[in-house]
Amino acid sequence: MVYRILIVEDDAAIAGAVCRQIETWGCAARRIVDFRNVMEAFAAFSPHLVLMDIGLPFFDGYHWCREIRKTSKIPVIFLSSASDNMNILMALNMGGDDFISKPFDLNVLTAKVQAMLRRTYDFSAPSDLMECRGAVLNLGDASLTWQGQRIELTKNEYRILQLLMERRGRIVPREDIMDRLWETDSFVDDNTLTVNMARLRRKLEEAGLTGLIVTKKGLGYGIQE
């Protein structure tokens, strides 16, 4: 299934970059060009999800979200540099489903869009991206990006991080991590796992991503939300 994403953003550079990113991941994207007639474009395109800026010509994003909610329950994700608590609360109270602050990383945006589409339309659909605290793990090329940086991972580091992200919010026993690595023909004993975890943590911290992985002494490791 090809999902259709409508982009209601008056900054042409941002709208173009978001459109290209969405199309790269196999979705169809359309940008609003006539900000007087957003609902006409909405009806013609029949999107599965809307990315909505707040500050727009003629009418703001809150207005158009209310108009959409009169006829549709599709997800609306607000994009705005006005990311104070009042605007976030207003966006959600007006019918928005999520809020992404500008400037944003395109990979983080893609991960949030994929997660929203998966929750809304197909719970069984696999996701190519996993995101936590702005860090995005790309399952397609086993890469990790954070704030525009690409963090190179070894095969074992990637598999460890993937497992921890899959079970975010929970402590993963060391034995489970070693079992995951053994499944891929990488024999890892207790000492080797300790070394791998130390190297992974050091890479994250050198990139400025501190405190992502927590240790529960005697139990295992977890991803801190």
Protein backbone atom coordinates (compact mmCIF):
# COMPACT_ATOMS: atom_id res chain seq x y z
CA MET A 1 0.00 0.00 0.00
CA VAL A 2 1.29 3.48 -0.89
CA TYR A 3 0.40 5.98 1.82
CA ARG A 4 -0.41 9.57 0.80
CA ILE A 5 1.02 12.41 2.91
CA LEU A 6 -0.27 15.99 2.55
CA ILE A 7 2.24 18.71 3.52
CA VAL A 8 0.72 22.00 4.66
CA GLU A 9 3.90 24.10 5.00
CA ASP A 10 4.48 27.56 3.50
CA ASP A 11 8.29 27.46 3.69
CA ALA A 12 9.13 26.12 0.22
CA ALA A 13 12.56 24.80 1.25
CA ILE A 14 11.17 22.84 4.21
CA ALA A 15 8.17 21.58 2.24
CA GLY A 16 10.39 20.45 -0.63
CA ALA A 17 12.85 18.65 1.64
CA VAL A 18 10.05 16.88 3.53
CA CYS A 19 8.34 15.92 0.26
CA ARG A 20 11.53 14.39 -1.16
CA GLN A 21 12.25 12.53 2.10
CA ILE A 22 8.75 11.04 2.23
CA GLU A 23 8.90 9.93 -1.41
CA THR A 24 12.32 8.34 -0.79
CA TRP A 25 10.60 6.03 1.74
CA GLY A 26 7.93 4.93 -0.74
CA CYS A 27 5.06 7.23 0.21
CA ALA A 28 3.25 9.68 -2.05
CA ALA A 29 3.56 13.33 -1.02
CA ARG A 30 1.78 16.50 -2.10
CA ARG A 31 2.53 20.09 -1.06
CA ILE A 32 -0.13 22.74 -0.59
CA VAL A 33 0.45 25.71 -2.88
CA ASP A 34 -2.87 27.56 -2.48
CA PHE A 35 -3.22 28.32 1.22
CA ARG A 36 -6.69 29.78 0.76
CA ASN A 37 -8.09 26.43 -0.34
CA VAL A 38 -6.42 23.78 1.80
CA MET A 39 -9.59 21.73 2.16
CA GLU A 40 -10.08 21.50 -1.61
CA ALA A 41 -6.60 20.02 -1.95
CA PHE A 42 -7.26 17.76 1.04
CA ALA A 43 -10.44 16.39 -0.55
CA ALA A 44 -8.78 15.89 -3.94
CA PHE A 45 -5.70 14.09 -2.58
CA SER A 46 -7.48 12.12 0.17
CA PRO A 47 -4.33 11.73 2.31
CA HIS A 48 -3.65 9.12 4.98
CA LEU A 49 -1.76 11.67 7.10
CA VAL A 50 -1.25 15.45 7.20
CA LEU A 51 1.89 17.33 8.23
CA MET A 52 0.66 20.75 9.36
CA ASP A 53 2.59 23.94 10.07
CA ILE A 54 1.01 26.38 12.54
CA GLY A 55 2.02 29.74 11.03
CA LEU A 56 0.43 29.82 7.57
CA PRO A 57 -0.87 32.54 5.21
CA PHE A 58 -4.54 33.53 5.56
CA PHE A 59 -5.52 30.92 8.20
CA ASP A 60 -3.28 29.17 10.73
CA GLY A 61 -2.76 25.44 11.12
CA TYR A 62 -5.18 25.25 14.04
CA HIS A 63 -7.98 26.46 11.74
CA TRP A 64 -7.23 23.86 9.07
CA CYS A 65 -6.93 21.08 11.64
CA ARG A 66 -10.39 21.96 12.96
CA GLU A 67 -11.72 21.92 9.39
CA ILE A 68 -10.17 18.50 8.75
CA ARG A 69 -11.65 17.15 11.97
CA LYS A 70 -15.15 18.05 10.75
CA THR A 71 -14.88 15.35 8.07
CA SER A 72 -11.93 13.09 8.90
CA LYS A 73 -10.09 11.34 11.74
CA ILE A 74 -6.82 10.85 9.84
CA PRO A 75 -3.61 11.62 11.79
CA VAL A 76 -2.43 15.24 11.81
CA ILE A 77 1.14 15.93 12.92
CA PHE A 78 1.97 19.57 13.64
CA LEU A 79 5.36 20.99 12.61
CA SER A 80 6.34 24.29 14.20
CA SER A 81 9.15 26.34 15.69
CA ALA A 82 6.58 27.64 18.18
CA SER A 83 7.26 24.68 20.44
CA ASP A 84 6.37 26.14 23.82
CA ASN A 85 3.99 24.16 26.01
CA MET A 86 1.03 26.40 25.17
CA ASN A 87 1.31 25.79 21.42
CA ILE A 88 1.88 22.06 21.89
CA LEU A 89 -1.23 21.83 24.09
CA MET A 90 -3.27 23.89 21.63
CA ALA A 91 -2.16 21.70 18.74
CA LEU A 92 -3.21 18.54 20.54
CA ASN A 93 -6.46 20.07 21.82
CA MET A 94 -7.37 21.18 18.30
CA GLY A 95 -7.22 17.59 17.12
CA GLY A 96 -3.53 17.08 16.38
CA ASP A 97 -2.01 13.66 17.02
CA ASP A 98 1.64 14.65 17.48
CA PHE A 99 3.91 17.71 17.50
CA ILE A 100 7.41 17.95 16.01
CA SER A 101 9.51 21.00 16.82
CA LYS A 102 11.50 22.85 14.15
CA PRO A 103 14.26 22.51 13.27
CA PHE A 104 13.90 18.74 12.99
CA ASP A 105 15.95 15.88 11.63
CA LEU A 106 14.33 14.41 8.51
CA ASN A 107 15.03 10.88 9.71
CA VAL A 108 13.26 11.60 13.00
CA LEU A 109 10.31 13.01 11.06
CA THR A 110 10.21 9.89 8.87
CA ALA A 111 10.33 7.58 11.89
CA LYS A 112 7.44 9.42 13.55
CA VAL A 113 5.39 9.38 10.34
CA GLN A 114 6.01 5.65 9.86
CA ALA A 115 5.08 4.94 13.48
CA MET A 116 1.87 6.96 13.18
CA LEU A 117 0.89 5.23 9.93
CA ARG A 118 1.64 1.83 11.43
CA ARG A 119 -0.46 2.51 14.52
CA THR A 120 -3.32 3.92 12.50
CA TYR A 121 -3.56 1.60 9.52
CA ASP A 122 -1.53 -1.57 9.89
CA PHE A 123 -0.16 -2.80 13.20
CA SER A 124 1.69 -5.64 11.47
CA ALA A 125 3.57 -3.46 8.97
CA PRO A 126 7.33 -3.52 9.57
CA SER A 127 9.13 -0.23 10.14
CA ASP A 128 12.43 0.61 8.48
CA LEU A 129 13.32 3.10 11.18
CA MET A 130 13.40 2.98 14.98
CA GLU A 131 13.56 6.25 16.94
CA CYS A 132 14.24 7.11 20.55
CA ARG A 133 15.15 10.52 21.99
CA GLY A 134 15.90 11.79 18.49
CA ALA A 135 18.30 8.92 17.69
CA VAL A 136 17.20 7.02 14.59
CA LEU A 137 18.30 3.46 13.85
CA ASN A 138 17.92 2.60 10.18
CA LEU A 139 17.26 -1.13 9.83
CA GLY A 140 17.84 -0.94 6.09
CA ASP A 141 21.52 -0.02 6.25
CA ALA A 142 22.26 -0.65 9.96
CA SER A 143 23.15 3.00 10.55
CA LEU A 144 22.45 5.30 13.49
CA THR A 145 21.89 9.04 13.09
CA TRP A 146 21.49 11.71 15.74
CA GLN A 147 21.25 15.47 15.21
CA GLY A 148 22.51 15.10 11.66
CA GLN A 149 25.47 12.91 12.66
CA ARG A 150 25.93 9.40 11.32
CA ILE A 151 27.34 7.11 14.00
CA GLU A 152 29.12 4.08 12.55
CA LEU A 153 28.28 0.81 14.31
CA THR A 154 29.79 -2.65 14.14
CA LYS A 155 27.43 -5.56 13.43
CA ASN A 156 27.29 -6.50 17.10
CA GLU A 157 26.75 -2.91 18.25
CA TYR A 158 23.90 -2.51 15.75
CA ARG A 159 22.21 -5.75 16.88
CA ILE A 160 22.55 -4.82 20.55
CA LEU A 161 21.03 -1.39 19.96
CA GLN A 162 18.23 -2.86 17.83
CA LEU A 163 17.25 -5.27 20.60
CA LEU A 164 17.34 -2.56 23.27
CA MET A 165 15.17 -0.27 21.11
CA GLU A 166 12.72 -3.09 20.46
CA ARG A 167 12.31 -3.45 24.22
CA ARG A 168 12.60 0.21 25.20
CA GLY A 169 11.43 0.97 28.69
CA ARG A 170 12.42 -2.51 29.90
CA ILE A 171 15.64 -4.02 31.17
CA VAL A 172 16.98 -6.63 28.75
CA PRO A 173 18.90 -9.45 30.46
CA ARG A 174 22.49 -9.96 29.33
CA GLU A 175 21.58 -13.53 28.42
CA ASP A 176 18.92 -12.29 25.96
CA ILE A 177 21.44 -10.00 24.28
CA MET A 178 23.96 -12.83 23.91
CA ASP A 179 21.22 -15.10 22.54
CA ARG A 180 20.38 -12.47 19.90
CA LEU A 181 24.02 -12.26 18.84
CA TRP A 182 24.39 -16.05 18.75
CA GLU A 183 21.42 -16.22 16.37
CA THR A 184 23.55 -14.35 13.84
CA ASP A 185 26.55 -16.67 14.22
CA SER A 186 28.44 -14.24 16.45
CA PHE A 187 29.64 -16.13 19.50
CA VAL A 188 29.73 -13.69 22.39
CA ASP A 189 30.57 -14.59 25.98
CA ASP A 190 29.96 -12.45 29.04
CA ASN A 191 33.29 -10.62 28.84
CA THR A 192 32.91 -9.91 25.11
CA LEU A 193 29.44 -8.47 25.68
CA THR A 194 30.84 -6.12 28.34
CA VAL A 195 33.48 -4.90 25.87
CA ASN A 196 30.86 -4.41 23.12
CA MET A 197 28.58 -2.45 25.45
CA ALA A 198 31.46 -0.22 26.59
CA ARG A 199 32.44 0.56 22.98
CA LEU A 200 28.83 1.26 21.99
CA ARG A 201 28.34 3.61 24.93
CA ARG A 202 31.59 5.42 24.16
CA LYS A 203 30.51 6.00 20.55
CA LEU A 204 27.16 7.39 21.66
CA GLU A 205 28.73 9.65 24.28
CA GLU A 206 31.38 10.95 21.83
CA ALA A 207 28.52 11.98 19.53
CA GLY A 208 26.83 13.76 22.45
CA LEU A 209 24.12 11.13 22.96
CA THR A 210 24.64 10.51 26.67
CA GLY A 211 22.53 8.42 29.00
CA LEU A 212 20.63 6.56 26.27
CA ILE A 213 21.61 3.13 27.60
CA VAL A 214 21.22 2.41 31.30
CA THR A 215 22.65 -0.48 33.30
CA LYS A 216 20.76 -2.41 35.95
CA LYS A 217 23.50 -4.10 37.90
CA GLY A 218 23.10 -7.85 37.99
CA LEU A 219 20.19 -7.77 35.51
CA GLY A 220 21.05 -6.19 32.17
CA TYR A 221 20.65 -3.07 30.05
CA GLY A 222 17.85 -0.86 28.85
CA ILE A 223 17.04 2.15 26.67
CA GLN A 224 16.07 5.22 28.65
CA GLU A 225 13.16 7.07 27.01
